């Protein structure tokens, strides 16, 4: 996500909120999400955590609502944050130097049970953000980004910390704190998704690579089918030759008009049979390639569906998906089956599968006969079950939108029918509908996407 620019007035608003909420708190825990994003958990507020981002394009910080997060990323950043900041008591917070520089004064108990002061400086300056931790004499203990002695502003351990050159800020309209926090929330969710993708990089690489391979296969099959269709005219050549066996003059005219060359070493009948043979081969090629095309298309749509539904899988489920798609890859940890999930809407649960196995389990083992079944029309995707015999039109619409979202689509048609009208197909997760109605969706609503983001694992 591309964040909007944070003006100095935006940091003033964030500073005010932090002063009201976290001064007097302890930093209970620290979670490193990636190389430049991390979270602080506080003793006084349980429902919010402080997201700090030191990305080059748009450094920022904001309190956000989080129920749970992924395990912390190990490394130097994690080690130093925990060493110098974990368990520290927040004494004061202030913007310094009339700049986007936030200064935390902290107190931390050392190994000898003595209270020492620490200073945390967060420099939210675009293209050169930084974090510096010093002792009470402003001696640098740790810097997120160091700079050598030859630079205009050296930043090295054991040197005195100095403020960066201040910028002259013009007065800007103060932003809305709600908008700031909403943006930060979205950024955090995308950062978690990116972390998940990096953790399961071989899986995502395989899926994307396989989709590209299938696209190339479609090009080859299309080319072969087109060439074979052009060769279907061979049957006309063969029939014409046989019909003009005793009319040499008209045969020569026909051959010349159609630019047909004959094999002089063969008889006319043999040449006709040769054309018949080429016709049969072309016809067989078309039939076989259509089967292969359909098979490849089915695989591609399923992989596209898995790519979309993987956003709503936890680590255990992604591990299981890795086993499913990369059986030859040896994994130390045993995989658990991928489970279907649900969201609550209007006090009704809307369930959705995440792969073929969980779709099968959801529809054919879990769902009641009077529940409602939904599926994107003519495309591989999630089985969606509304756990209610008489859902409202709004609930049906939300469920239909979920079908599209889980197939990477924002528009399309979705079939809906009571579960009693759904029968098992020959393949795992395949459903045959005896009757159904269709819901046409022109655009998926942002509210439904948010519902999925906050889904509950079953």
Protein backbone atom coordinates (compact mmCIF):
# COMPACT_ATOMS: atom_id res chain seq x y z
CA UNK A 1 0.00 0.00 0.00
CA UNK A 2 1.23 3.51 -0.82
CA UNK A 3 0.74 5.63 2.28
CA UNK A 4 -0.26 9.28 2.09
CA UNK A 5 2.31 11.85 3.11
CA UNK A 6 2.47 12.50 6.87
CA UNK A 7 2.73 16.24 7.47
CA UNK A 8 4.26 17.67 10.63
CA UNK A 9 0.72 18.38 11.87
CA UNK A 10 -0.06 14.65 11.49
CA UNK A 11 2.79 13.80 13.85
CA UNK A 12 1.51 16.41 16.30
CA UNK A 13 -1.84 14.61 16.38
CA UNK A 14 -0.19 11.20 16.82
CA UNK A 15 2.06 12.62 19.56
CA UNK A 16 -0.98 13.91 21.45
CA UNK A 17 -2.70 10.49 21.31
CA UNK A 18 0.45 8.69 22.47
CA UNK A 19 0.84 11.07 25.40
CA UNK A 20 -2.74 10.40 26.48
CA UNK A 21 -2.56 6.63 26.14
CA UNK A 22 0.90 5.18 26.72
CA UNK A 23 2.85 7.49 29.04
CA UNK A 24 3.13 5.56 32.31
CA UNK A 25 3.03 2.22 30.47
CA UNK A 26 5.68 -0.43 30.12
CA UNK A 27 6.71 -1.89 26.77
CA UNK A 28 5.56 -5.43 27.46
CA UNK A 29 6.51 -6.98 24.15
CA UNK A 30 8.06 -6.21 20.77
CA UNK A 31 7.17 -7.91 17.48
CA UNK A 32 9.38 -7.42 14.43
CA UNK A 33 7.27 -7.89 11.30
CA UNK A 34 9.99 -7.32 8.70
CA UNK A 35 13.24 -5.42 8.21
CA UNK A 36 11.60 -2.01 8.85
CA UNK A 37 8.21 -2.54 10.56
CA UNK A 38 7.69 -3.47 14.21
CA UNK A 39 5.10 -3.34 17.00
CA UNK A 40 5.15 -2.35 20.67
CA UNK A 41 2.67 -3.85 23.13
CA UNK A 42 1.97 -1.86 26.31
CA UNK A 43 0.91 -2.71 29.85
CA UNK A 44 -1.82 -0.06 30.13
CA UNK A 45 -3.68 -0.59 26.84
CA UNK A 46 -4.55 -4.10 25.73
CA UNK A 47 -6.67 -3.39 22.65
CA UNK A 48 -4.08 -1.33 20.74
CA UNK A 49 -0.44 -1.67 19.77
CA UNK A 50 2.00 0.86 18.38
CA UNK A 51 3.01 0.21 14.79
CA UNK A 52 6.33 1.85 13.84
CA UNK A 53 7.41 1.82 10.21
CA UNK A 54 10.85 2.98 9.09
CA UNK A 55 10.30 2.30 5.40
CA UNK A 56 12.09 4.73 3.08
CA UNK A 57 9.05 5.91 1.13
CA UNK A 58 6.79 6.82 4.02
CA UNK A 59 7.98 6.36 7.62
CA UNK A 60 5.20 6.69 10.19
CA UNK A 61 3.79 5.42 13.48
CA UNK A 62 0.28 4.90 14.78
CA UNK A 63 -1.69 3.00 17.39
CA UNK A 64 -3.77 0.28 15.74
CA UNK A 65 -6.23 -2.38 16.86
CA UNK A 66 -4.77 -5.89 16.72
CA UNK A 67 -6.11 -9.15 18.13
CA UNK A 68 -3.10 -11.30 17.30
CA UNK A 69 0.07 -11.06 15.24
CA UNK A 70 2.59 -13.38 13.63
CA UNK A 71 5.71 -14.54 15.52
CA UNK A 72 8.50 -11.97 15.71
CA UNK A 73 11.20 -12.02 13.05
CA UNK A 74 14.58 -12.99 14.49
CA UNK A 75 17.70 -10.98 13.76
CA UNK A 76 19.73 -7.97 14.88
CA UNK A 77 16.77 -5.58 14.98
CA UNK A 78 14.75 -7.93 17.19
CA UNK A 79 17.70 -8.57 19.51
CA UNK A 80 18.49 -4.88 20.06
CA UNK A 81 14.89 -3.77 20.51
CA UNK A 82 14.38 -6.42 23.17
CA UNK A 83 17.74 -5.73 24.80
CA UNK A 84 17.26 -1.97 25.16
CA UNK A 85 13.49 -1.41 25.14
CA UNK A 86 11.57 -4.44 26.34
CA UNK A 87 10.19 -3.87 29.84
CA UNK A 88 11.05 -0.15 29.71
CA UNK A 89 8.76 2.36 31.43
CA UNK A 90 7.64 5.31 29.29
CA UNK A 91 8.32 8.59 31.13
CA UNK A 92 7.62 11.15 28.40
CA UNK A 93 7.02 11.59 24.67
CA UNK A 94 7.72 14.73 22.64
CA UNK A 95 8.30 15.98 19.12
CA UNK A 96 11.76 17.55 19.03
CA UNK A 97 13.66 20.04 16.89
CA UNK A 98 10.44 21.31 15.25
CA UNK A 99 10.74 18.25 13.02
CA UNK A 100 9.26 14.80 12.47
CA UNK A 101 11.44 13.48 15.27
CA UNK A 102 9.71 11.74 18.16
CA UNK A 103 11.63 11.43 21.44
CA UNK A 104 10.72 8.80 24.06
CA UNK A 105 12.28 9.08 27.51
CA UNK A 106 12.35 5.63 29.12
CA UNK A 107 13.39 3.99 32.35
CA UNK A 108 14.67 0.41 32.32
CA UNK A 109 15.94 -1.87 35.06
CA UNK A 110 19.37 -3.32 34.28
CA UNK A 111 20.80 -6.70 35.25
CA UNK A 112 21.84 -5.24 38.64
CA UNK A 113 18.27 -4.09 39.35
CA UNK A 114 19.29 -0.46 38.90
CA UNK A 115 17.00 1.92 37.02
CA UNK A 116 18.70 3.44 33.99
CA UNK A 117 17.37 6.08 31.64
CA UNK A 118 17.11 5.33 27.95
CA UNK A 119 16.23 7.66 25.09
CA UNK A 120 14.51 6.45 21.94
CA UNK A 121 14.66 8.81 18.95
CA UNK A 122 12.46 8.02 15.95
CA UNK A 123 13.33 10.11 12.89
CA UNK A 124 10.43 9.95 10.44
CA UNK A 125 12.20 11.67 7.57
CA UNK A 126 11.36 10.39 4.09
CA UNK A 127 14.18 8.52 2.30
CA UNK A 128 16.33 8.60 5.47
CA UNK A 129 14.24 7.42 8.44
CA UNK A 130 16.07 6.16 11.47
CA UNK A 131 15.82 4.96 15.06
CA UNK A 132 18.51 5.71 17.60
CA UNK A 133 18.70 4.44 21.20
CA UNK A 134 20.98 6.31 23.62
CA UNK A 135 21.81 6.29 27.30
CA UNK A 136 21.09 9.27 29.57
CA UNK A 137 24.27 11.03 28.35
CA UNK A 138 23.08 10.81 24.73
CA UNK A 139 25.72 8.17 23.93
CA UNK A 140 24.48 6.02 21.05
CA UNK A 141 23.82 2.41 22.07
CA UNK A 142 22.12 1.29 18.86
CA UNK A 143 21.10 2.82 15.53
CA UNK A 144 18.74 1.31 13.00
CA UNK A 145 20.82 2.84 10.22
CA UNK A 146 24.43 3.79 10.93
CA UNK A 147 26.50 6.38 9.05
CA UNK A 148 30.34 6.56 8.99
CA UNK A 149 32.65 9.18 10.50
CA UNK A 150 33.19 10.66 7.05
CA UNK A 151 29.51 11.58 6.71
CA UNK A 152 28.03 14.98 7.58
CA UNK A 153 26.27 13.42 10.57
CA UNK A 154 28.11 10.35 11.90
CA UNK A 155 25.97 7.77 13.66
CA UNK A 156 28.03 5.10 15.37
CA UNK A 157 27.93 3.38 18.75
CA UNK A 158 29.61 5.36 21.55
CA UNK A 159 29.27 8.67 19.70
CA UNK A 160 27.10 11.53 20.96
CA UNK A 161 23.70 11.68 19.28
CA UNK A 162 22.91 14.92 17.45
CA UNK A 163 19.63 15.95 15.87
CA UNK A 164 19.35 15.89 12.09
CA UNK A 165 19.20 19.21 10.23
CA UNK A 166 15.77 20.71 10.87
CA UNK A 167 13.42 21.53 7.99
CA UNK A 168 11.27 24.64 7.84
CA UNK A 169 7.69 23.29 7.84
CA UNK A 170 4.81 25.34 6.54
CA UNK A 171 1.49 25.24 8.33
CA UNK A 172 -0.68 22.45 6.91
CA UNK A 173 -4.22 21.37 7.56
CA UNK A 174 -4.33 18.90 10.43
CA UNK A 175 -5.42 15.42 9.28
CA UNK A 176 -8.07 13.27 10.92
CA UNK A 177 -6.70 10.78 13.50
CA UNK A 178 -9.28 8.20 12.39
CA UNK A 179 -8.03 8.41 8.81
CA UNK A 180 -4.41 8.11 9.97
CA UNK A 181 -5.18 4.98 12.00
CA UNK A 182 -7.24 3.40 9.22
CA UNK A 183 -4.37 3.83 6.79
CA UNK A 184 -1.94 2.37 9.30
CA UNK A 185 -4.24 -0.61 9.87
CA UNK A 186 -4.36 -1.40 6.15
CA UNK A 187 -0.58 -1.00 5.89
CA UNK A 188 -0.09 -3.42 8.79
CA UNK A 189 -2.36 -6.07 7.26
CA UNK A 190 -0.49 -5.85 3.97
CA UNK A 191 2.84 -6.06 5.81
CA UNK A 192 1.67 -9.25 7.52
CA UNK A 193 0.59 -10.66 4.17
CA UNK A 194 3.99 -9.81 2.72
CA UNK A 195 5.68 -11.51 5.69
CA UNK A 196 3.58 -14.61 5.09
CA UNK A 197 4.52 -14.61 1.41
CA UNK A 198 8.22 -14.32 2.25
CA UNK A 199 7.95 -17.18 4.75
CA UNK A 200 6.27 -19.41 2.18
CA UNK A 201 8.17 -18.05 -0.81
CA UNK A 202 8.75 -21.49 -2.47
CA UNK A 203 4.99 -22.13 -2.39
CA UNK A 204 4.08 -18.76 -3.93
CA UNK A 205 6.89 -19.05 -6.48
CA UNK A 206 5.61 -22.47 -7.53
CA UNK A 207 2.01 -21.28 -7.93
CA UNK A 208 2.97 -18.21 -9.96
CA UNK A 209 5.51 -20.12 -12.03
CA UNK A 210 2.99 -22.86 -12.74
CA UNK A 211 0.39 -20.30 -13.83
CA UNK A 212 2.93 -18.77 -16.25
CA UNK A 213 3.77 -22.24 -17.60
CA UNK A 214 0.07 -22.90 -18.18
CA UNK A 215 -0.30 -19.57 -20.00
CA UNK A 216 2.53 -20.57 -22.34
CA UNK A 217 0.84 -23.94 -22.81
CA UNK A 218 -2.37 -22.18 -23.87
CA UNK A 219 -0.40 -20.29 -26.54
CA UNK A 220 1.10 -23.54 -27.91
CA UNK A 221 -2.26 -25.34 -27.86
CA UNK A 222 -4.00 -22.41 -29.58
CA UNK A 223 -1.36 -22.37 -32.29
CA UNK A 224 -1.63 -26.14 -32.85
CA UNK A 225 -5.44 -26.01 -32.89
CA UNK A 226 -5.44 -23.17 -35.45
CA UNK A 227 -2.98 -25.04 -37.65
CA UNK A 228 -5.01 -28.26 -37.35
CA UNK A 229 -8.26 -26.45 -38.25
CA UNK A 230 -6.61 -25.09 -41.38
CA UNK A 231 -5.65 -28.66 -42.28
CA UNK A 232 -9.22 -29.97 -42.03
CA UNK A 233 -9.60 -28.98 -45.68
CA UNK A 234 -7.50 -32.06 -46.53
CA UNK A 235 -10.67 -34.15 -46.49
CA UNK A 236 -12.01 -32.02 -49.36
CA UNK A 237 -8.76 -32.55 -51.29
CA UNK A 238 -8.98 -36.31 -50.83
CA UNK A 239 -12.65 -36.47 -51.87
CA UNK A 240 -12.00 -34.28 -54.91
CA UNK A 241 -9.13 -36.47 -56.09
CA UNK A 242 -11.25 -39.63 -55.80
CA UNK A 243 -14.20 -38.02 -57.58
CA UNK A 244 -11.96 -36.87 -60.48
CA UNK A 245 -9.96 -40.06 -60.91
CA UNK A 246 -11.30 -40.51 -64.45
CA UNK A 247 -11.33 -36.81 -65.33
CA UNK A 248 -7.67 -35.92 -65.59
CA UNK A 249 -8.26 -32.51 -67.17
CA UNK A 250 -10.61 -31.20 -64.43
CA UNK A 251 -8.41 -32.80 -61.75
CA UNK A 252 -5.41 -30.79 -62.98
CA UNK A 253 -7.52 -27.62 -62.99
CA UNK A 254 -8.70 -28.31 -59.41
CA UNK A 255 -5.18 -29.03 -58.20
CA UNK A 256 -3.86 -25.83 -59.80
CA UNK A 257 -6.68 -23.63 -58.45
CA UNK A 258 -6.16 -24.93 -54.92
CA UNK A 259 -2.33 -24.99 -55.18
CA UNK A 260 -2.25 -28.69 -54.29
CA UNK A 261 0.91 -30.69 -54.87
CA UNK A 262 0.75 -34.44 -55.28
CA UNK A 263 3.39 -37.04 -54.52
CA UNK A 264 4.32 -38.24 -58.06
CA UNK A 265 5.67 -41.51 -56.66
CA UNK A 266 2.20 -42.39 -55.38
CA UNK A 267 -1.01 -43.22 -57.19
CA UNK A 268 -3.98 -40.83 -57.10
CA UNK A 269 -5.76 -43.12 -54.62
CA UNK A 270 -2.64 -43.20 -52.43
CA UNK A 271 -2.47 -39.38 -52.56
CA UNK A 272 -6.14 -39.16 -51.58
CA UNK A 273 -5.56 -41.53 -48.65
CA UNK A 274 -2.59 -39.41 -47.61
CA UNK A 275 -4.87 -36.36 -47.40
CA UNK A 276 -7.44 -38.39 -45.47
CA UNK A 277 -4.70 -39.43 -43.05
CA UNK A 278 -3.63 -35.80 -42.52
CA UNK A 279 -7.26 -34.84 -41.98
CA UNK A 280 -7.72 -37.53 -39.32
CA UNK A 281 -4.49 -36.47 -37.61
CA UNK A 282 -5.60 -32.82 -37.57
CA UNK A 283 -9.02 -33.73 -36.23
CA UNK A 284 -7.44 -35.84 -33.49
CA UNK A 285 -5.04 -33.00 -32.65
CA UNK A 286 -7.98 -30.61 -32.21
CA UNK A 287 -9.83 -33.06 -29.97
CA UNK A 288 -6.77 -33.87 -27.84
CA UNK A 289 -5.70 -30.23 -27.55
CA UNK A 290 -9.18 -29.18 -26.46
CA UNK A 291 -9.04 -31.79 -23.70
CA UNK A 292 -5.58 -30.57 -22.68
CA UNK A 293 -6.75 -26.95 -22.85
CA UNK A 294 -9.71 -27.67 -20.60
CA UNK A 295 -7.50 -29.57 -18.19
CA UNK A 296 -4.93 -26.75 -18.08
CA UNK A 297 -7.65 -24.12 -17.67
CA UNK A 298 -9.11 -26.04 -14.76
CA UNK A 299 -5.68 -26.24 -13.11
CA UNK A 300 -5.02 -22.53 -13.67
CA UNK A 301 -8.35 -21.41 -12.19
CA UNK A 302 -7.78 -23.67 -9.18
CA UNK A 303 -4.27 -22.26 -8.64
CA UNK A 304 -5.63 -18.72 -8.99
CA UNK A 305 -8.26 -19.58 -6.39
CA UNK A 306 -5.60 -20.99 -4.04
CA UNK A 307 -3.50 -17.86 -4.50
CA UNK A 308 -6.46 -15.70 -3.44
CA UNK A 309 -7.63 -17.93 -0.57
CA UNK A 310 -4.06 -18.23 0.79
CA UNK A 311 -4.49 -14.66 2.13
CA UNK A 312 -6.97 -16.13 4.62
CA UNK A 313 -4.86 -19.16 5.60
CA UNK A 314 -2.80 -19.35 8.76
CA UNK A 315 0.75 -20.74 8.82
CA UNK A 316 -0.43 -24.30 9.49
CA UNK A 317 -2.76 -24.18 6.50
CA UNK A 318 -0.08 -22.71 4.23
CA UNK A 319 2.19 -25.55 5.33
CA UNK A 320 -0.55 -28.00 4.36
CA UNK A 321 -0.95 -26.27 1.00
CA UNK A 322 2.80 -26.63 0.47
CA UNK A 323 2.45 -30.38 1.05
CA UNK A 324 -0.47 -30.49 -1.39
CA UNK A 325 1.30 -28.67 -4.24
CA UNK A 326 4.94 -29.52 -3.52
CA UNK A 327 4.84 -33.14 -2.31
CA UNK A 328 8.52 -33.66 -3.15
CA UNK A 329 9.61 -30.78 -0.91
CA UNK A 330 10.70 -32.17 2.43
CA UNK A 331 9.26 -30.23 5.31
CA UNK A 332 10.33 -30.76 8.91
CA UNK A 333 6.97 -29.85 10.38
CA UNK A 334 3.98 -32.13 9.86
CA UNK A 335 1.14 -30.42 8.03
CA UNK A 336 -2.38 -30.13 9.42
CA UNK A 337 -5.41 -30.26 7.09
CA UNK A 338 -6.64 -26.95 5.72
CA UNK A 339 -9.89 -26.02 7.47
CA UNK A 340 -12.80 -23.98 6.22
CA UNK A 341 -13.42 -20.64 7.94
CA UNK A 342 -16.37 -18.37 8.60
CA UNK A 343 -17.41 -14.80 9.21
CA UNK A 344 -20.38 -13.55 11.23
CA UNK A 345 -22.83 -11.27 9.46
CA UNK A 346 -26.26 -10.28 10.80
CA UNK A 347 -25.71 -12.99 13.48
CA UNK A 348 -25.46 -15.61 10.70
CA UNK A 349 -22.31 -17.57 9.95
CA UNK A 350 -21.07 -17.58 6.36
CA UNK A 351 -18.54 -20.39 5.87
CA UNK A 352 -16.01 -20.70 3.04
CA UNK A 353 -13.51 -23.32 1.93
CA UNK A 354 -9.88 -22.61 1.05
CA UNK A 355 -8.95 -25.56 -1.16
CA UNK A 356 -10.58 -28.63 -2.75
CA UNK A 357 -10.38 -30.71 0.45
CA UNK A 358 -11.87 -28.04 2.72
CA UNK A 359 -14.58 -27.31 0.12
CA UNK A 360 -15.52 -31.00 0.13
CA UNK A 361 -15.53 -31.18 3.93
CA UNK A 362 -17.62 -28.02 4.24
CA UNK A 363 -20.34 -28.85 1.71
CA UNK A 364 -20.68 -32.61 1.92
CA UNK A 365 -19.93 -33.29 5.61
CA UNK A 366 -20.61 -30.13 7.57
CA UNK A 367 -23.45 -28.26 5.84
CA UNK A 368 -27.13 -28.95 6.60
CA UNK A 369 -29.55 -29.76 3.81
CA UNK A 370 -31.47 -26.51 4.31
CA UNK A 371 -28.33 -24.32 4.38
CA UNK A 372 -27.51 -22.29 1.27
CA UNK A 373 -24.64 -23.15 -1.09
CA UNK A 374 -22.88 -20.55 -3.26
CA UNK A 375 -20.15 -20.85 -5.88
CA UNK A 376 -18.72 -18.60 -8.56
CA UNK A 377 -20.31 -19.57 -11.88
CA UNK A 378 -18.25 -21.54 -14.41
CA UNK A 379 -14.99 -21.03 -12.52
CA UNK A 380 -12.94 -22.79 -9.84
CA UNK A 381 -13.45 -21.22 -6.44
CA UNK A 382 -14.54 -21.52 -2.85
CA UNK A 383 -17.62 -23.33 -1.66
CA UNK A 384 -19.55 -20.82 0.44
CA UNK A 385 -22.23 -21.96 2.88
CA UNK A 386 -24.79 -19.73 4.59
CA UNK A 387 -25.73 -21.47 7.84
CA UNK A 388 -29.39 -20.45 7.76
CA UNK A 389 -32.50 -21.77 5.97
CA UNK A 390 -33.89 -18.27 5.22
CA UNK A 391 -31.06 -15.74 4.89
CA UNK A 392 -31.81 -12.16 3.92
CA UNK A 393 -30.93 -10.80 0.49
CA UNK A 394 -28.12 -8.80 2.11
CA UNK A 395 -26.56 -11.95 3.62
CA UNK A 396 -26.82 -13.69 0.24
CA UNK A 397 -25.11 -10.71 -1.40
CA UNK A 398 -22.23 -10.75 1.10
CA UNK A 399 -21.78 -14.51 0.60
CA UNK A 400 -21.79 -14.06 -3.18
CA UNK A 401 -19.16 -11.33 -2.91
CA UNK A 402 -16.99 -13.67 -0.84
CA UNK A 403 -17.15 -16.19 -3.70
CA UNK A 404 -15.73 -13.58 -6.07
CA UNK A 405 -13.07 -12.25 -3.68
CA UNK A 406 -11.74 -15.77 -3.10
CA UNK A 407 -11.32 -16.19 -6.87
CA UNK A 408 -9.49 -12.86 -7.34
CA UNK A 409 -12.51 -11.27 -9.00
CA UNK A 410 -14.48 -8.10 -8.28
CA UNK A 411 -17.32 -8.70 -10.75
CA UNK A 412 -19.11 -11.82 -11.98
CA UNK A 413 -21.97 -14.25 -11.54
CA UNK A 414 -22.49 -16.51 -8.53
CA UNK A 415 -24.80 -19.52 -8.30
CA UNK A 416 -26.91 -20.03 -5.17
CA UNK A 417 -29.08 -22.97 -4.13
CA UNK A 418 -30.07 -24.95 -1.00
CA UNK A 419 -27.47 -27.59 -0.10
CA UNK A 420 -30.03 -30.34 -0.81
CA UNK A 421 -29.65 -29.46 -4.51
CA UNK A 422 -25.89 -30.04 -4.46
CA UNK A 423 -24.39 -33.44 -5.35
CA UNK A 424 -20.82 -34.71 -5.28
CA UNK A 425 -18.85 -34.72 -8.50
CA UNK A 426 -16.17 -37.20 -9.51
CA UNK A 427 -13.27 -35.00 -8.40
CA UNK A 428 -12.51 -33.88 -4.83
CA UNK A 429 -14.44 -30.70 -4.08
CA UNK A 430 -16.44 -30.88 -7.31
CA UNK A 431 -20.11 -29.96 -6.90
CA UNK A 432 -22.99 -30.65 -9.30
CA UNK A 433 -26.02 -28.39 -8.95
CA UNK A 434 -29.42 -29.88 -9.75
CA UNK A 435 -30.96 -26.39 -9.84
CA UNK A 436 -29.85 -22.91 -8.91
CA UNK A 437 -30.41 -19.18 -9.18
CA UNK A 438 -27.80 -16.61 -10.20
CA UNK A 439 -26.62 -13.49 -8.38
CA UNK A 440 -24.95 -10.91 -10.63
CA UNK A 441 -22.39 -8.68 -8.91
CA UNK A 442 -21.09 -5.57 -10.68
CA UNK A 443 -18.61 -4.55 -7.99
CA UNK A 444 -17.50 -6.14 -4.71
CA UNK A 445 -17.93 -3.78 -1.76
CA UNK A 446 -15.01 -2.72 0.44
CA UNK A 447 -17.08 -3.62 3.52
CA UNK A 448 -17.14 -7.29 2.47
CA UNK A 449 -13.38 -7.29 1.89
CA UNK A 450 -12.97 -5.94 5.45
CA UNK A 451 -15.20 -8.71 6.79
CA UNK A 452 -12.90 -11.30 5.25
CA UNK A 453 -9.81 -9.59 6.66
CA UNK A 454 -11.29 -10.06 10.12
CA UNK A 455 -12.37 -13.64 9.53
CA UNK A 456 -12.28 -16.25 12.31
CA UNK A 457 -10.49 -19.54 11.71
CA UNK A 458 -12.73 -22.55 12.28
